[in-house]
Amino acid sequence: MTRSQLAACAIAATAAGFAVGSPQPPSGAHTRPAPVLPTALPAPVRPAFTPGPALPIARGRFVTRWAPVRRAVAARRRPNTRAAPVARVPTMTPDDTVNIVLVRDSRSDRAGHIWVRVSIATIPNGRTGWVPRSALGGYGTVDTRLVVDLDRLTATLFKRGQRTFRARIGVGRRGSPTPRGRFFVRDRLTRFADRFYGPVAFGTNARSPGLTDWPGGGYIGIHGTDRPRLIPGHISHGCIRMRNVDILALGRRMPVGTPITIR
């Protein structure tokens, strides 16, 4: 065989995928086909959920912030660990629900730690204190407000400044009056074994100054009644009572965290 013929054979063998001088596959043997490489990447799979852009915490004339208490902590007079304590803030309420606080203000100390001024459940009513932001969970917001008028014996719910609900109520007697001030809804309870409380009750951070020896500390509630004929009137030990049809209507409109003004 001439040199030109040998060169042609070498070129043909290389094109077929065999090195020159390598053993040839036996006659009739099958060779593995060369892999086929993709020419482009497949289209990405569309995710089931795509997070939206971060939004600032809602603020405005009608918006109120609240937060759950994740770690029991002392509320202090000033945003400083050395400041005198005002009250102990627990993680649970006397009703065995997660305790929440209403957020009034926030600021950072010299070390860069964030403190939050919150409404607390104490005697006397209406006190606030500073707690570390790290002791609280994520903020929630509401745009509702309940106004209780002790002279007119009415409860009125506002949503973004517009009245959405009004009902006649029963309030505390002369010897155990319903306290006046600024409070908030701490929890919502249902399925009572005793019909006395009606189908729905709201717990608040308001406390009766004269009934602190009651179970749980004399907290003021807003609830239904099994004696609707007594409404309106001064009929309770400080709690705010409504006819059952009215407390059910309020229960559909008033979320936990709603601020309350009793005047």
C-alpha atoms as a PDB file:
ATOM      1  CA  MET A   1       0.000   0.000   0.000  1.00  0.00           C
ATOM      2  CA  THR A   2       1.345   3.410  -0.893  1.00  0.00           C
ATOM      3  CA  ARG A   3       1.918   6.214   1.560  1.00  0.00           C
ATOM      4  CA  SER A   4      -1.022   8.162   0.143  1.00  0.00           C
ATOM      5  CA  GLN A   5      -3.329   5.166   0.652  1.00  0.00           C
ATOM      6  CA  LEU A   6      -2.132   4.736   4.285  1.00  0.00           C
ATOM      7  CA  ALA A   7      -2.826   8.429   5.012  1.00  0.00           C
ATOM      8  CA  ALA A   8      -6.326   8.173   3.572  1.00  0.00           C
ATOM      9  CA  CYS A   9      -7.051   5.145   5.804  1.00  0.00           C
ATOM     10  CA  ALA A  10      -5.814   7.031   8.888  1.00  0.00           C
ATOM     11  CA  ILE A  11      -8.063   9.990   8.131  1.00  0.00           C
ATOM     12  CA  ALA A  12     -11.069   7.690   7.650  1.00  0.00           C
ATOM     13  CA  ALA A  13     -10.357   5.843  10.916  1.00  0.00           C
ATOM     14  CA  THR A  14     -10.079   9.106  12.863  1.00  0.00           C
ATOM     15  CA  ALA A  15     -13.391  10.356  11.438  1.00  0.00           C
ATOM     16  CA  ALA A  16     -15.052   7.088  12.485  1.00  0.00           C
ATOM     17  CA  GLY A  17     -13.935   7.620  16.084  1.00  0.00           C
ATOM     18  CA  PHE A  18     -10.963   5.176  16.233  1.00  0.00           C
ATOM     19  CA  ALA A  19      -7.378   6.075  16.865  1.00  0.00           C
ATOM     20  CA  VAL A  20      -4.822   5.000  14.279  1.00  0.00           C
ATOM     21  CA  GLY A  21      -3.277   1.752  15.326  1.00  0.00           C
ATOM     22  CA  SER A  22      -6.062   0.863  17.817  1.00  0.00           C
ATOM     23  CA  PRO A  23      -7.677  -2.531  17.574  1.00  0.00           C
ATOM     24  CA  GLN A  24     -10.672  -2.598  15.249  1.00  0.00           C
ATOM     25  CA  PRO A  25     -14.050  -3.759  16.599  1.00  0.00           C
ATOM     26  CA  PRO A  26     -14.930  -7.269  15.547  1.00  0.00           C
ATOM     27  CA  SER A  27     -17.168  -7.707  12.594  1.00  0.00           C
ATOM     28  CA  GLY A  28     -20.856  -7.386  13.531  1.00  0.00           C
ATOM     29  CA  ALA A  29     -20.176  -5.633  16.894  1.00  0.00           C
ATOM     30  CA  HIS A  30     -22.456  -2.752  17.854  1.00  0.00           C
ATOM     31  CA  THR A  31     -20.929   0.590  18.813  1.00  0.00           C
ATOM     32  CA  ARG A  32     -22.523   3.062  21.300  1.00  0.00           C
ATOM     33  CA  PRO A  33     -23.903   6.114  19.527  1.00  0.00           C
ATOM     34  CA  ALA A  34     -22.343   9.445  20.387  1.00  0.00           C
ATOM     35  CA  PRO A  35     -24.410  11.508  22.896  1.00  0.00           C
ATOM     36  CA  VAL A  36     -26.567  14.253  21.487  1.00  0.00           C
ATOM     37  CA  LEU A  37     -25.839  17.537  23.213  1.00  0.00           C
ATOM     38  CA  PRO A  38     -28.716  20.031  23.669  1.00  0.00           C
ATOM     39  CA  THR A  39     -28.475  23.135  21.608  1.00  0.00           C
ATOM     40  CA  ALA A  40     -30.198  25.309  24.306  1.00  0.00           C
ATOM     41  CA  LEU A  41     -31.321  25.144  27.951  1.00  0.00           C
ATOM     42  CA  PRO A  42     -34.987  24.279  28.616  1.00  0.00           C
ATOM     43  CA  ALA A  43     -37.357  27.028  29.648  1.00  0.00           C
ATOM     44  CA  PRO A  44     -37.447  27.570  33.445  1.00  0.00           C
ATOM     45  CA  VAL A  45     -40.377  26.105  35.371  1.00  0.00           C
ATOM     46  CA  ARG A  46     -42.810  28.760  36.536  1.00  0.00           C
ATOM     47  CA  PRO A  47     -42.836  28.817  40.398  1.00  0.00           C
ATOM     48  CA  ALA A  48     -46.074  28.205  42.275  1.00  0.00           C
ATOM     49  CA  PHE A  49     -45.519  31.354  44.351  1.00  0.00           C
ATOM     50  CA  THR A  50     -43.498  34.451  43.597  1.00  0.00           C
ATOM     51  CA  PRO A  51     -42.857  36.813  46.546  1.00  0.00           C
ATOM     52  CA  GLY A  52     -43.770  40.392  45.834  1.00  0.00           C
ATOM     53  CA  PRO A  53     -41.643  43.413  46.630  1.00  0.00           C
ATOM     54  CA  ALA A  54     -41.132  44.391  50.265  1.00  0.00           C
ATOM     55  CA  LEU A  55     -43.684  46.892  51.544  1.00  0.00           C
ATOM     56  CA  PRO A  56     -43.281  49.370  54.389  1.00  0.00           C
ATOM     57  CA  ILE A  57     -45.329  48.876  57.556  1.00  0.00           C
ATOM     58  CA  ALA A  58     -48.747  50.410  57.061  1.00  0.00           C
ATOM     59  CA  ARG A  59     -49.083  53.817  58.628  1.00  0.00           C
ATOM     60  CA  GLY A  60     -51.786  56.395  58.544  1.00  0.00           C
ATOM     61  CA  ARG A  61     -54.434  58.225  60.445  1.00  0.00           C
ATOM     62  CA  PHE A  62     -56.646  55.150  60.894  1.00  0.00           C
ATOM     63  CA  VAL A  63     -54.021  52.408  61.163  1.00  0.00           C
ATOM     64  CA  THR A  64     -52.975  50.898  64.501  1.00  0.00           C
ATOM     65  CA  ARG A  65     -50.142  48.405  65.024  1.00  0.00           C
ATOM     66  CA  TRP A  66     -50.048  45.501  67.463  1.00  0.00           C
ATOM     67  CA  ALA A  67     -47.677  42.599  68.096  1.00  0.00           C
ATOM     68  CA  PRO A  68     -47.749  39.238  69.937  1.00  0.00           C
ATOM     69  CA  VAL A  69     -45.504  38.788  72.953  1.00  0.00           C
ATOM     70  CA  ARG A  70     -42.993  36.020  72.129  1.00  0.00           C
ATOM     71  CA  ARG A  71     -40.866  36.320  75.277  1.00  0.00           C
ATOM     72  CA  ALA A  72     -41.989  37.344  78.751  1.00  0.00           C
ATOM     73  CA  VAL A  73     -40.323  40.636  79.527  1.00  0.00           C
ATOM     74  CA  ALA A  74     -40.425  43.618  81.883  1.00  0.00           C
ATOM     75  CA  ALA A  75     -41.903  46.815  80.479  1.00  0.00           C
ATOM     76  CA  ARG A  76     -39.735  49.759  81.580  1.00  0.00           C
ATOM     77  CA  ARG A  77     -40.250  53.479  82.101  1.00  0.00           C
ATOM     78  CA  ARG A  78     -37.676  54.370  79.457  1.00  0.00           C
ATOM     79  CA  PRO A  79     -36.096  52.483  76.523  1.00  0.00           C
ATOM     80  CA  ASN A  80     -33.151  51.313  78.609  1.00  0.00           C
ATOM     81  CA  THR A  81     -32.343  48.058  80.406  1.00  0.00           C
ATOM     82  CA  ARG A  82     -31.428  50.070  83.513  1.00  0.00           C
ATOM     83  CA  ALA A  83     -34.751  51.919  83.652  1.00  0.00           C
ATOM     84  CA  ALA A  84     -37.231  51.036  86.390  1.00  0.00           C
ATOM     85  CA  PRO A  85     -39.749  48.324  85.458  1.00  0.00           C
ATOM     86  CA  VAL A  86     -43.418  49.249  85.087  1.00  0.00           C
ATOM     87  CA  ALA A  87     -44.978  45.789  84.822  1.00  0.00           C
ATOM     88  CA  ARG A  88     -44.268  42.247  83.730  1.00  0.00           C
ATOM     89  CA  VAL A  89     -45.579  41.431  80.237  1.00  0.00           C
ATOM     90  CA  PRO A  90     -46.375  37.699  79.913  1.00  0.00           C
ATOM     91  CA  THR A  91     -46.684  35.633  76.752  1.00  0.00           C
ATOM     92  CA  MET A  92     -50.214  34.388  77.566  1.00  0.00           C
ATOM     93  CA  THR A  93     -53.414  36.084  78.730  1.00  0.00           C
ATOM     94  CA  PRO A  94     -55.567  34.837  81.632  1.00  0.00           C
ATOM     95  CA  ASP A  95     -57.782  33.277  78.926  1.00  0.00           C
ATOM     96  CA  ASP A  96     -54.836  31.088  77.765  1.00  0.00           C
ATOM     97  CA  THR A  97     -54.515  32.936  74.466  1.00  0.00           C
ATOM     98  CA  VAL A  98     -51.372  34.528  73.033  1.00  0.00           C
ATOM     99  CA  ASN A  99     -50.860  37.901  74.673  1.00  0.00           C
ATOM    100  CA  ILE A 100     -50.614  40.915  72.389  1.00  0.00           C
ATOM    101  CA  VAL A 101     -49.638  44.536  72.991  1.00  0.00           C
ATOM    102  CA  LEU A 102     -50.662  47.709  71.214  1.00  0.00           C
ATOM    103  CA  VAL A 103     -47.707  49.596  69.706  1.00  0.00           C
ATOM    104  CA  ARG A 104     -47.545  53.299  70.507  1.00  0.00           C
ATOM    105  CA  ASP A 105     -44.008  54.302  69.534  1.00  0.00           C
ATOM    106  CA  SER A 106     -40.523  52.936  68.801  1.00  0.00           C
ATOM    107  CA  ARG A 107     -36.926  54.159  68.995  1.00  0.00           C
ATOM    108  CA  SER A 108     -33.331  52.894  69.127  1.00  0.00           C
ATOM    109  CA  ASP A 109     -30.972  53.162  72.097  1.00  0.00           C
ATOM    110  CA  ARG A 110     -27.285  54.113  71.901  1.00  0.00           C
ATOM    111  CA  ALA A 111     -26.291  50.502  71.200  1.00  0.00           C
ATOM    112  CA  GLY A 112     -28.641  50.342  68.216  1.00  0.00           C
ATOM    113  CA  HIS A 113     -31.235  48.113  69.929  1.00  0.00           C
ATOM    114  CA  ILE A 114     -34.858  48.859  69.029  1.00  0.00           C
ATOM    115  CA  TRP A 115     -37.384  49.495  71.816  1.00  0.00           C
ATOM    116  CA  VAL A 116     -41.156  49.701  71.489  1.00  0.00           C
ATOM    117  CA  ARG A 117     -43.558  51.620  73.716  1.00  0.00           C
ATOM    118  CA  VAL A 118     -46.661  49.491  74.266  1.00  0.00           C
ATOM    119  CA  SER A 119     -49.961  49.619  76.130  1.00  0.00           C
ATOM    120  CA  ILE A 120     -49.983  47.204  79.055  1.00  0.00           C
ATOM    121  CA  ALA A 121     -52.638  45.671  81.321  1.00  0.00           C
ATOM    122  CA  THR A 122     -52.032  47.233  84.737  1.00  0.00           C
ATOM    123  CA  ILE A 123     -53.715  48.991  87.605  1.00  0.00           C
ATOM    124  CA  PRO A 124     -54.102  51.928  87.239  1.00  0.00           C
ATOM    125  CA  ASN A 125     -55.391  51.606  83.695  1.00  0.00           C
ATOM    126  CA  GLY A 126     -53.845  53.358  80.725  1.00  0.00           C
ATOM    127  CA  ARG A 127     -50.156  52.872  81.537  1.00  0.00           C
ATOM    128  CA  THR A 128     -47.522  52.210  78.889  1.00  0.00           C
ATOM    129  CA  GLY A 129     -43.985  50.844  79.017  1.00  0.00           C
ATOM    130  CA  TRP A 130     -40.960  50.176  76.822  1.00  0.00           C
ATOM    131  CA  VAL A 131     -40.042  46.619  75.799  1.00  0.00           C
ATOM    132  CA  PRO A 132     -37.268  45.311  73.509  1.00  0.00           C
ATOM    133  CA  ARG A 133     -38.454  44.795  69.948  1.00  0.00           C
ATOM    134  CA  SER A 134     -36.824  41.340  70.061  1.00  0.00           C
ATOM    135  CA  ALA A 135     -39.401  40.216  72.667  1.00  0.00           C
ATOM    136  CA  LEU A 136     -42.264  40.744  70.213  1.00  0.00           C
ATOM    137  CA  GLY A 137     -43.392  38.944  67.094  1.00  0.00           C
ATOM    138  CA  GLY A 138     -44.250  40.465  63.738  1.00  0.00           C
ATOM    139  CA  TYR A 139     -46.473  43.520  63.575  1.00  0.00           C
ATOM    140  CA  GLY A 140     -50.141  43.261  62.677  1.00  0.00           C
ATOM    141  CA  THR A 141     -52.317  46.221  61.716  1.00  0.00           C
ATOM    142  CA  VAL A 142     -55.982  47.141  62.045  1.00  0.00           C
ATOM    143  CA  ASP A 143     -57.978  50.057  60.661  1.00  0.00           C
ATOM    144  CA  THR A 144     -60.909  49.757  63.088  1.00  0.00           C
ATOM    145  CA  ARG A 145     -61.754  51.546  66.353  1.00  0.00           C
ATOM    146  CA  LEU A 146     -64.500  50.911  68.912  1.00  0.00           C
ATOM    147  CA  VAL A 147     -66.014  53.804  70.870  1.00  0.00           C
ATOM    148  CA  VAL A 148     -68.056  52.984  73.989  1.00  0.00           C
ATOM    149  CA  ASP A 149     -70.241  55.802  75.308  1.00  0.00           C
ATOM    150  CA  LEU A 150     -71.148  55.161  78.957  1.00  0.00           C
ATOM    151  CA  ASP A 151     -73.675  58.003  79.064  1.00  0.00           C
ATOM    152  CA  ARG A 152     -75.579  57.065  75.910  1.00  0.00           C
ATOM    153  CA  LEU A 153     -75.063  53.314  76.507  1.00  0.00           C
ATOM    154  CA  THR A 154     -73.862  52.689  72.948  1.00  0.00           C
ATOM    155  CA  ALA A 155     -70.936  50.949  71.271  1.00  0.00           C
ATOM    156  CA  THR A 156     -69.915  52.208  67.831  1.00  0.00           C
ATOM    157  CA  LEU A 157     -67.364  50.619  65.522  1.00  0.00           C
ATOM    158  CA  PHE A 158     -65.511  52.721  62.959  1.00  0.00           C
ATOM    159  CA  LYS A 159     -63.495  51.425  59.994  1.00  0.00           C
ATOM    160  CA  ARG A 160     -61.135  53.966  58.463  1.00  0.00           C
ATOM    161  CA  GLY A 161     -63.187  56.677  60.138  1.00  0.00           C
ATOM    162  CA  GLN A 162     -66.548  55.482  58.814  1.00  0.00           C
ATOM    163  CA  ARG A 163     -69.202  54.087  61.134  1.00  0.00           C
ATOM    164  CA  THR A 164     -69.966  50.454  60.334  1.00  0.00           C
ATOM    165  CA  PHE A 165     -71.767  49.254  63.473  1.00  0.00           C
ATOM    166  CA  ARG A 166     -73.704  50.591  66.457  1.00  0.00           C
ATOM    167  CA  ALA A 167     -75.585  48.814  69.252  1.00  0.00           C
ATOM    168  CA  ARG A 168     -77.131  49.515  72.627  1.00  0.00           C
ATOM    169  CA  ILE A 169     -75.178  48.056  75.542  1.00  0.00           C
ATOM    170  CA  GLY A 170     -75.179  47.221  79.206  1.00  0.00           C
ATOM    171  CA  VAL A 171     -72.335  48.555  81.370  1.00  0.00           C
ATOM    172  CA  GLY A 172     -71.118  48.518  84.973  1.00  0.00           C
ATOM    173  CA  ARG A 173     -73.232  49.402  87.961  1.00  0.00           C
ATOM    174  CA  ARG A 174     -72.475  52.302  90.291  1.00  0.00           C
ATOM    175  CA  GLY A 175     -70.396  50.169  92.663  1.00  0.00           C
ATOM    176  CA  SER A 176     -68.444  48.454  89.858  1.00  0.00           C
ATOM    177  CA  PRO A 177     -68.302  50.936  86.975  1.00  0.00           C
ATOM    178  CA  THR A 178     -66.846  50.269  83.557  1.00  0.00           C
ATOM    179  CA  PRO A 179     -63.475  52.105  83.494  1.00  0.00           C
ATOM    180  CA  ARG A 180     -62.958  54.993  81.119  1.00  0.00           C
ATOM    181  CA  GLY A 181     -59.830  55.344  79.000  1.00  0.00           C
ATOM    182  CA  ARG A 182     -57.978  53.990  75.968  1.00  0.00           C
ATOM    183  CA  PHE A 183     -57.713  50.212  75.673  1.00  0.00           C
ATOM    184  CA  PHE A 184     -57.597  47.507  73.003  1.00  0.00           C
ATOM    185  CA  VAL A 185     -58.979  44.066  72.125  1.00  0.00           C
ATOM    186  CA  ARG A 186     -56.565  41.343  73.300  1.00  0.00           C
ATOM    187  CA  ASP A 187     -58.408  38.183  72.259  1.00  0.00           C
ATOM    188  CA  ARG A 188     -61.630  36.696  70.906  1.00  0.00           C
ATOM    189  CA  LEU A 189     -63.374  33.741  72.568  1.00  0.00           C
ATOM    190  CA  THR A 190     -66.272  31.495  71.529  1.00  0.00           C
ATOM    191  CA  ARG A 191     -67.995  28.226  72.479  1.00  0.00           C
ATOM    192  CA  PHE A 192     -68.781  29.024  76.083  1.00  0.00           C
ATOM    193  CA  ALA A 193     -70.341  26.319  78.210  1.00  0.00           C
ATOM    194  CA  ASP A 194     -72.221  29.017  80.147  1.00  0.00           C
ATOM    195  CA  ARG A 195     -74.890  30.927  78.182  1.00  0.00           C
ATOM    196  CA  PHE A 196     -74.252  33.917  80.447  1.00  0.00           C
ATOM    197  CA  TYR A 197     -71.464  35.137  78.104  1.00  0.00           C
ATOM    198  CA  GLY A 198     -73.382  34.655  74.866  1.00  0.00           C
ATOM    199  CA  PRO A 199     -71.857  33.275  71.648  1.00  0.00           C
ATOM    200  CA  VAL A 200     -68.817  35.599  71.397  1.00  0.00           C
ATOM    201  CA  ALA A 201     -66.654  37.481  73.885  1.00  0.00           C
ATOM    202  CA  PHE A 202     -63.752  39.875  73.420  1.00  0.00           C
ATOM    203  CA  GLY A 203     -61.082  40.215  76.092  1.00  0.00           C
ATOM    204  CA  THR A 204     -59.498  43.631  76.633  1.00  0.00           C
ATOM    205  CA  ASN A 205     -56.566  45.028  78.596  1.00  0.00           C
ATOM    206  CA  ALA A 206     -58.922  47.165  80.693  1.00  0.00           C
ATOM    207  CA  ARG A 207     -59.202  46.195  84.357  1.00  0.00           C
ATOM    208  CA  SER A 208     -61.815  46.930  86.989  1.00  0.00           C
ATOM    209  CA  PRO A 209     -60.179  48.969  89.770  1.00  0.00           C
ATOM    210  CA  GLY A 210     -62.480  47.435  92.397  1.00  0.00           C
ATOM    211  CA  LEU A 211     -62.584  43.792  91.289  1.00  0.00           C
ATOM    212  CA  THR A 212     -58.930  42.812  90.936  1.00  0.00           C
ATOM    213  CA  ASP A 213     -59.550  39.761  93.135  1.00  0.00           C
ATOM    214  CA  TRP A 214     -61.771  38.245  90.441  1.00  0.00           C
ATOM    215  CA  PRO A 215     -60.360  35.209  88.596  1.00  0.00           C
ATOM    216  CA  GLY A 216     -57.762  36.450  86.127  1.00  0.00           C
ATOM    217  CA  GLY A 217     -57.442  39.877  87.742  1.00  0.00           C
ATOM    218  CA  GLY A 218     -60.754  41.601  86.976  1.00  0.00           C
ATOM    219  CA  TYR A 219     -60.288  42.186  83.239  1.00  0.00           C
ATOM    220  CA  ILE A 220     -63.117  43.885  81.364  1.00  0.00           C
ATOM    221  CA  GLY A 221     -64.742  41.921  78.545  1.00  0.00           C
ATOM    222  CA  ILE A 222     -67.216  42.672  75.768  1.00  0.00           C
ATOM    223  CA  HIS A 223     -69.670  39.809  75.392  1.00  0.00           C
ATOM    224  CA  GLY A 224     -73.212  38.636  74.735  1.00  0.00           C
ATOM    225  CA  THR A 225     -75.839  37.839  77.328  1.00  0.00           C
ATOM    226  CA  ASP A 226     -78.592  35.418  78.253  1.00  0.00           C
ATOM    227  CA  ARG A 227     -80.699  38.318  79.598  1.00  0.00           C
ATOM    228  CA  PRO A 228     -81.187  40.666  76.619  1.00  0.00           C
ATOM    229  CA  ARG A 229     -84.199  42.417  78.197  1.00  0.00           C
ATOM    230  CA  LEU A 230     -81.839  44.210  80.611  1.00  0.00           C
ATOM    231  CA  ILE A 231     -80.093  46.062  77.767  1.00  0.00           C
ATOM    232  CA  PRO A 232     -79.562  49.016  77.738  1.00  0.00           C
ATOM    233  CA  GLY A 233     -78.713  49.662  81.361  1.00  0.00           C
ATOM    234  CA  HIS A 234     -76.191  49.609  84.195  1.00  0.00           C
ATOM    235  CA  ILE A 235     -76.282  45.885  84.784  1.00  0.00           C
ATOM    236  CA  SER A 236     -72.760  44.427  85.029  1.00  0.00           C
ATOM    237  CA  HIS A 237     -69.688  44.312  87.245  1.00  0.00           C
ATOM    238  CA  GLY A 238     -67.820  46.377  84.651  1.00  0.00           C
ATOM    239  CA  CYS A 239     -68.032  44.286  81.496  1.00  0.00           C
ATOM    240  CA  ILE A 240     -69.808  45.564  78.390  1.00  0.00           C
ATOM    241  CA  ARG A 241     -72.771  43.406  77.392  1.00  0.00           C
ATOM    242  CA  MET A 242     -74.673  43.257  74.104  1.00  0.00           C
ATOM    243  CA  ARG A 243     -77.615  41.361  72.776  1.00  0.00           C
ATOM    244  CA  ASN A 244     -76.405  38.178  71.115  1.00  0.00           C
ATOM    245  CA  VAL A 245     -77.435  39.285  67.637  1.00  0.00           C
ATOM    246  CA  ASP A 246     -75.337  42.435  68.111  1.00  0.00           C
ATOM    247  CA  ILE A 247     -72.224  40.712  69.490  1.00  0.00           C
ATOM    248  CA  LEU A 248     -72.328  38.313  66.536  1.00  0.00           C
ATOM    249  CA  ALA A 249     -72.487  41.257  64.129  1.00  0.00           C
ATOM    250  CA  LEU A 250     -69.601  42.944  65.942  1.00  0.00           C
ATOM    251  CA  GLY A 251     -67.634  39.691  65.880  1.00  0.00           C
ATOM    252  CA  ARG A 252     -67.734  39.711  62.079  1.00  0.00           C
ATOM    253  CA  ARG A 253     -66.346  43.238  61.895  1.00  0.00           C
ATOM    254  CA  MET A 254     -63.924  43.801  64.791  1.00  0.00           C
ATOM    255  CA  PRO A 255     -60.503  42.080  64.670  1.00  0.00           C
ATOM    256  CA  VAL A 256     -58.134  41.464  67.556  1.00  0.00           C
ATOM    257  CA  GLY A 257     -55.903  44.496  68.080  1.00  0.00           C
ATOM    258  CA  THR A 258     -58.718  47.017  67.623  1.00  0.00           C
ATOM    259  CA  PRO A 259     -58.226  50.074  69.891  1.00  0.00           C
ATOM    260  CA  ILE A 260     -61.099  50.929  72.247  1.00  0.00           C
ATOM    261  CA  THR A 261     -62.074  54.297  73.652  1.00  0.00           C
ATOM    262  CA  ILE A 262     -64.418  54.165  76.663  1.00  0.00           C
ATOM    263  CA  ARG A 263     -65.739  57.595  77.526  1.00  0.00           C
END
